[in-house]
Amino acid sequence: MAKKGGTLDKVQVREEWLAAIQALLSEIRKWTAAARWAVTEERKETTEDLVGAYSTQVLRIKTPNGLLYVEPIGRDVIGADGRVDLYSWPSLHRLLLLRQQDQWRLKTESGVDWPEEWGKDTFVKLARTLTKTP
């Protein structure tokens, strides 16, 4: 992480975080296009002490079972270098996508590591599973 005069360089940290989010959302858009799921985007404004103010996209994905949201939560999180939530409607299920050592890792809301690595197959399976109503 870049430092200027002993303090974190907010601009560089923010730009790295925004690039990571953009790459993730771009990847997810490709996967949803391959599955022929409709995607809409909303803008989200966030301000954090570590990186300042920034704007990101929230994806709203219409799967056959319901809606799945992909929402960047923040760069400044405990135990990771950023968090993006995957949550569904109407089931209200949620998984956390945490950025650790330049890789995305899945965890449950209770902090349990997801047994599968992040990738297209895992995303498609999760999108279908999370949106199922009980």
C-alpha atoms as a PDB file:
ATOM      1  CA  MET A   1       0.000   0.000   0.000  1.00  0.00           C
ATOM      2  CA  ALA A   2       1.413   3.383  -0.934  1.00  0.00           C
ATOM      3  CA  LYS A   3       2.357   5.869   1.760  1.00  0.00           C
ATOM      4  CA  LYS A   4       2.884   9.604   1.572  1.00  0.00           C
ATOM      5  CA  GLY A   5       4.657  11.194   4.474  1.00  0.00           C
ATOM      6  CA  GLY A   6       3.825   8.239   6.748  1.00  0.00           C
ATOM      7  CA  THR A   7       0.102   8.212   5.976  1.00  0.00           C
ATOM      8  CA  LEU A   8      -1.838   6.083   3.545  1.00  0.00           C
ATOM      9  CA  ASP A   9      -2.272   7.580   0.109  1.00  0.00           C
ATOM     10  CA  LYS A  10      -6.080   7.739  -0.016  1.00  0.00           C
ATOM     11  CA  VAL A  11      -6.206   8.348  -3.747  1.00  0.00           C
ATOM     12  CA  GLN A  12      -4.098   5.307  -4.641  1.00  0.00           C
ATOM     13  CA  VAL A  13      -5.935   3.015  -2.200  1.00  0.00           C
ATOM     14  CA  ARG A  14      -9.284   4.263  -3.519  1.00  0.00           C
ATOM     15  CA  GLU A  15      -8.220   3.779  -7.162  1.00  0.00           C
ATOM     16  CA  GLU A  16      -7.007   0.229  -6.436  1.00  0.00           C
ATOM     17  CA  TRP A  17     -10.303  -0.552  -4.688  1.00  0.00           C
ATOM     18  CA  LEU A  18     -12.389   0.886  -7.516  1.00  0.00           C
ATOM     19  CA  ALA A  19     -10.354  -1.087 -10.082  1.00  0.00           C
ATOM     20  CA  ALA A  20     -10.937  -4.298  -8.092  1.00  0.00           C
ATOM     21  CA  ILE A  21     -14.690  -3.619  -7.944  1.00  0.00           C
ATOM     22  CA  GLN A  22     -14.832  -2.770 -11.649  1.00  0.00           C
ATOM     23  CA  ALA A  23     -13.000  -5.985 -12.589  1.00  0.00           C
ATOM     24  CA  LEU A  24     -15.316  -8.054 -10.374  1.00  0.00           C
ATOM     25  CA  LEU A  25     -18.508  -6.477 -11.730  1.00  0.00           C
ATOM     26  CA  SER A  26     -17.271  -6.826 -15.306  1.00  0.00           C
ATOM     27  CA  GLU A  27     -16.648 -10.511 -14.722  1.00  0.00           C
ATOM     28  CA  ILE A  28     -20.107 -10.960 -13.191  1.00  0.00           C
ATOM     29  CA  ARG A  29     -21.717  -9.118 -16.130  1.00  0.00           C
ATOM     30  CA  LYS A  30     -20.069 -11.612 -18.536  1.00  0.00           C
ATOM     31  CA  TRP A  31     -21.330 -14.558 -16.510  1.00  0.00           C
ATOM     32  CA  THR A  32     -24.871 -13.182 -16.327  1.00  0.00           C
ATOM     33  CA  ALA A  33     -24.868 -12.497 -20.075  1.00  0.00           C
ATOM     34  CA  ALA A  34     -23.828 -16.113 -20.725  1.00  0.00           C
ATOM     35  CA  ALA A  35     -26.719 -17.271 -18.494  1.00  0.00           C
ATOM     36  CA  ARG A  36     -29.041 -14.799 -20.279  1.00  0.00           C
ATOM     37  CA  TRP A  37     -30.027 -13.078 -17.051  1.00  0.00           C
ATOM     38  CA  ALA A  38     -31.045  -9.424 -17.197  1.00  0.00           C
ATOM     39  CA  VAL A  39     -28.821  -6.986 -15.297  1.00  0.00           C
ATOM     40  CA  THR A  40     -29.591  -3.432 -14.247  1.00  0.00           C
ATOM     41  CA  GLU A  41     -27.264  -1.051 -12.446  1.00  0.00           C
ATOM     42  CA  GLU A  42     -27.703   1.557  -9.768  1.00  0.00           C
ATOM     43  CA  ARG A  43     -25.117   4.010  -8.417  1.00  0.00           C
ATOM     44  CA  LYS A  44     -24.084   3.974  -4.787  1.00  0.00           C
ATOM     45  CA  GLU A  45     -22.186   6.759  -3.047  1.00  0.00           C
ATOM     46  CA  THR A  46     -19.863   5.779  -0.202  1.00  0.00           C
ATOM     47  CA  THR A  47     -17.518   7.696   2.094  1.00  0.00           C
ATOM     48  CA  GLU A  48     -14.877   5.934   4.168  1.00  0.00           C
ATOM     49  CA  ASP A  49     -12.128   7.294   6.407  1.00  0.00           C
ATOM     50  CA  LEU A  50      -9.429   5.221   4.680  1.00  0.00           C
ATOM     51  CA  VAL A  51     -10.242   6.121   1.067  1.00  0.00           C
ATOM     52  CA  GLY A  52     -12.577   9.114   1.092  1.00  0.00           C
ATOM     53  CA  ALA A  53     -15.699   9.478  -1.048  1.00  0.00           C
ATOM     54  CA  TYR A  54     -16.372   7.382  -4.132  1.00  0.00           C
ATOM     55  CA  SER A  55     -19.156   6.073  -6.341  1.00  0.00           C
ATOM     56  CA  THR A  56     -19.714   2.440  -7.313  1.00  0.00           C
ATOM     57  CA  GLN A  57     -22.301   0.374  -9.117  1.00  0.00           C
ATOM     58  CA  VAL A  58     -24.737  -2.081  -7.561  1.00  0.00           C
ATOM     59  CA  LEU A  59     -25.843  -4.867  -9.891  1.00  0.00           C
ATOM     60  CA  ARG A  60     -29.416  -6.135  -9.815  1.00  0.00           C
ATOM     61  CA  ILE A  61     -29.594  -9.504 -11.552  1.00  0.00           C
ATOM     62  CA  LYS A  62     -32.883 -11.122 -12.533  1.00  0.00           C
ATOM     63  CA  THR A  63     -32.430 -14.893 -12.306  1.00  0.00           C
ATOM     64  CA  PRO A  64     -35.195 -17.426 -12.998  1.00  0.00           C
ATOM     65  CA  ASN A  65     -35.759 -17.777  -9.218  1.00  0.00           C
ATOM     66  CA  GLY A  66     -35.634 -14.128  -8.150  1.00  0.00           C
ATOM     67  CA  LEU A  67     -33.369 -11.110  -7.805  1.00  0.00           C
ATOM     68  CA  LEU A  68     -29.713 -11.215  -6.848  1.00  0.00           C
ATOM     69  CA  TYR A  69     -27.892  -8.043  -5.824  1.00  0.00           C
ATOM     70  CA  VAL A  70     -24.139  -7.512  -5.981  1.00  0.00           C
ATOM     71  CA  GLU A  71     -23.343  -4.528  -3.753  1.00  0.00           C
ATOM     72  CA  PRO A  72     -19.904  -3.169  -2.864  1.00  0.00           C
ATOM     73  CA  ILE A  73     -19.956  -2.462   0.870  1.00  0.00           C
ATOM     74  CA  GLY A  74     -16.553  -0.918   1.532  1.00  0.00           C
ATOM     75  CA  ARG A  75     -12.794  -1.069   1.297  1.00  0.00           C
ATOM     76  CA  ASP A  76     -12.159  -0.530   5.010  1.00  0.00           C
ATOM     77  CA  VAL A  77     -13.337  -3.804   6.566  1.00  0.00           C
ATOM     78  CA  ILE A  78     -11.873  -5.998   9.293  1.00  0.00           C
ATOM     79  CA  GLY A  79      -9.789  -8.910   8.027  1.00  0.00           C
ATOM     80  CA  ALA A  80      -9.928  -8.013   4.331  1.00  0.00           C
ATOM     81  CA  ASP A  81      -9.111  -5.369   1.733  1.00  0.00           C
ATOM     82  CA  GLY A  82     -12.747  -4.832   0.805  1.00  0.00           C
ATOM     83  CA  ARG A  83     -16.177  -6.414   0.890  1.00  0.00           C
ATOM     84  CA  VAL A  84     -18.923  -6.952  -1.664  1.00  0.00           C
ATOM     85  CA  ASP A  85     -22.233  -8.552  -0.655  1.00  0.00           C
ATOM     86  CA  LEU A  86     -24.271 -10.998  -2.693  1.00  0.00           C
ATOM     87  CA  TYR A  87     -27.852 -11.042  -1.457  1.00  0.00           C
ATOM     88  CA  SER A  88     -31.167 -12.103  -2.841  1.00  0.00           C
ATOM     89  CA  TRP A  89     -34.806 -11.238  -2.921  1.00  0.00           C
ATOM     90  CA  PRO A  90     -37.218 -12.702  -1.896  1.00  0.00           C
ATOM     91  CA  SER A  91     -35.180 -15.281   0.063  1.00  0.00           C
ATOM     92  CA  LEU A  92     -33.041 -12.644   1.878  1.00  0.00           C
ATOM     93  CA  HIS A  93     -29.996 -14.956   1.816  1.00  0.00           C
ATOM     94  CA  ARG A  94     -26.573 -13.248   1.859  1.00  0.00           C
ATOM     95  CA  LEU A  95     -22.940 -14.171   1.281  1.00  0.00           C
ATOM     96  CA  LEU A  96     -19.902 -11.949   1.743  1.00  0.00           C
ATOM     97  CA  LEU A  97     -17.273 -11.652  -0.952  1.00  0.00           C
ATOM     98  CA  LEU A  98     -14.058 -10.504   0.734  1.00  0.00           C
ATOM     99  CA  ARG A  99     -10.930  -9.313  -1.055  1.00  0.00           C
ATOM    100  CA  GLN A 100      -7.838 -10.842   0.520  1.00  0.00           C
ATOM    101  CA  GLN A 101      -4.371 -10.773  -1.054  1.00  0.00           C
ATOM    102  CA  ASP A 102      -5.814  -9.677  -4.424  1.00  0.00           C
ATOM    103  CA  GLN A 103      -8.305 -12.566  -4.521  1.00  0.00           C
ATOM    104  CA  TRP A 104     -12.025 -12.752  -3.793  1.00  0.00           C
ATOM    105  CA  ARG A 105     -13.062 -15.246  -1.109  1.00  0.00           C
ATOM    106  CA  LEU A 106     -16.576 -16.168  -0.039  1.00  0.00           C
ATOM    107  CA  LYS A 107     -17.791 -16.289   3.555  1.00  0.00           C
ATOM    108  CA  THR A 108     -21.154 -16.799   5.132  1.00  0.00           C
ATOM    109  CA  GLU A 109     -22.649 -13.994   7.224  1.00  0.00           C
ATOM    110  CA  SER A 110     -21.472 -15.846  10.320  1.00  0.00           C
ATOM    111  CA  GLY A 111     -17.869 -15.806   9.039  1.00  0.00           C
ATOM    112  CA  VAL A 112     -17.553 -19.403   7.869  1.00  0.00           C
ATOM    113  CA  ASP A 113     -15.374 -19.881   4.776  1.00  0.00           C
ATOM    114  CA  TRP A 114     -17.337 -21.023   1.728  1.00  0.00           C
ATOM    115  CA  PRO A 115     -16.029 -24.433   0.556  1.00  0.00           C
ATOM    116  CA  GLU A 116     -15.788 -23.440  -3.130  1.00  0.00           C
ATOM    117  CA  GLU A 117     -13.435 -20.972  -4.787  1.00  0.00           C
ATOM    118  CA  TRP A 118     -14.863 -17.842  -6.373  1.00  0.00           C
ATOM    119  CA  GLY A 119     -15.406 -18.207 -10.104  1.00  0.00           C
ATOM    120  CA  LYS A 120     -18.052 -18.535 -12.793  1.00  0.00           C
ATOM    121  CA  ASP A 121     -19.378 -21.949 -11.753  1.00  0.00           C
ATOM    122  CA  THR A 122     -19.592 -20.942  -8.091  1.00  0.00           C
ATOM    123  CA  PHE A 123     -21.309 -17.655  -8.966  1.00  0.00           C
ATOM    124  CA  VAL A 124     -23.936 -19.302 -11.194  1.00  0.00           C
ATOM    125  CA  LYS A 125     -24.627 -22.001  -8.600  1.00  0.00           C
ATOM    126  CA  LEU A 126     -24.897 -19.417  -5.807  1.00  0.00           C
ATOM    127  CA  ALA A 127     -27.141 -17.149  -7.887  1.00  0.00           C
ATOM    128  CA  ARG A 128     -29.557 -20.017  -8.413  1.00  0.00           C
ATOM    129  CA  THR A 129     -29.360 -21.233  -4.812  1.00  0.00           C
ATOM    130  CA  LEU A 130     -29.529 -17.865  -3.039  1.00  0.00           C
ATOM    131  CA  THR A 131     -32.624 -16.793  -4.956  1.00  0.00           C
ATOM    132  CA  LYS A 132     -34.645 -19.919  -4.191  1.00  0.00           C
ATOM    133  CA  THR A 133     -37.369 -19.354  -1.658  1.00  0.00           C
ATOM    134  CA  PRO A 134     -37.810 -21.978   1.056  1.00  0.00           C
END
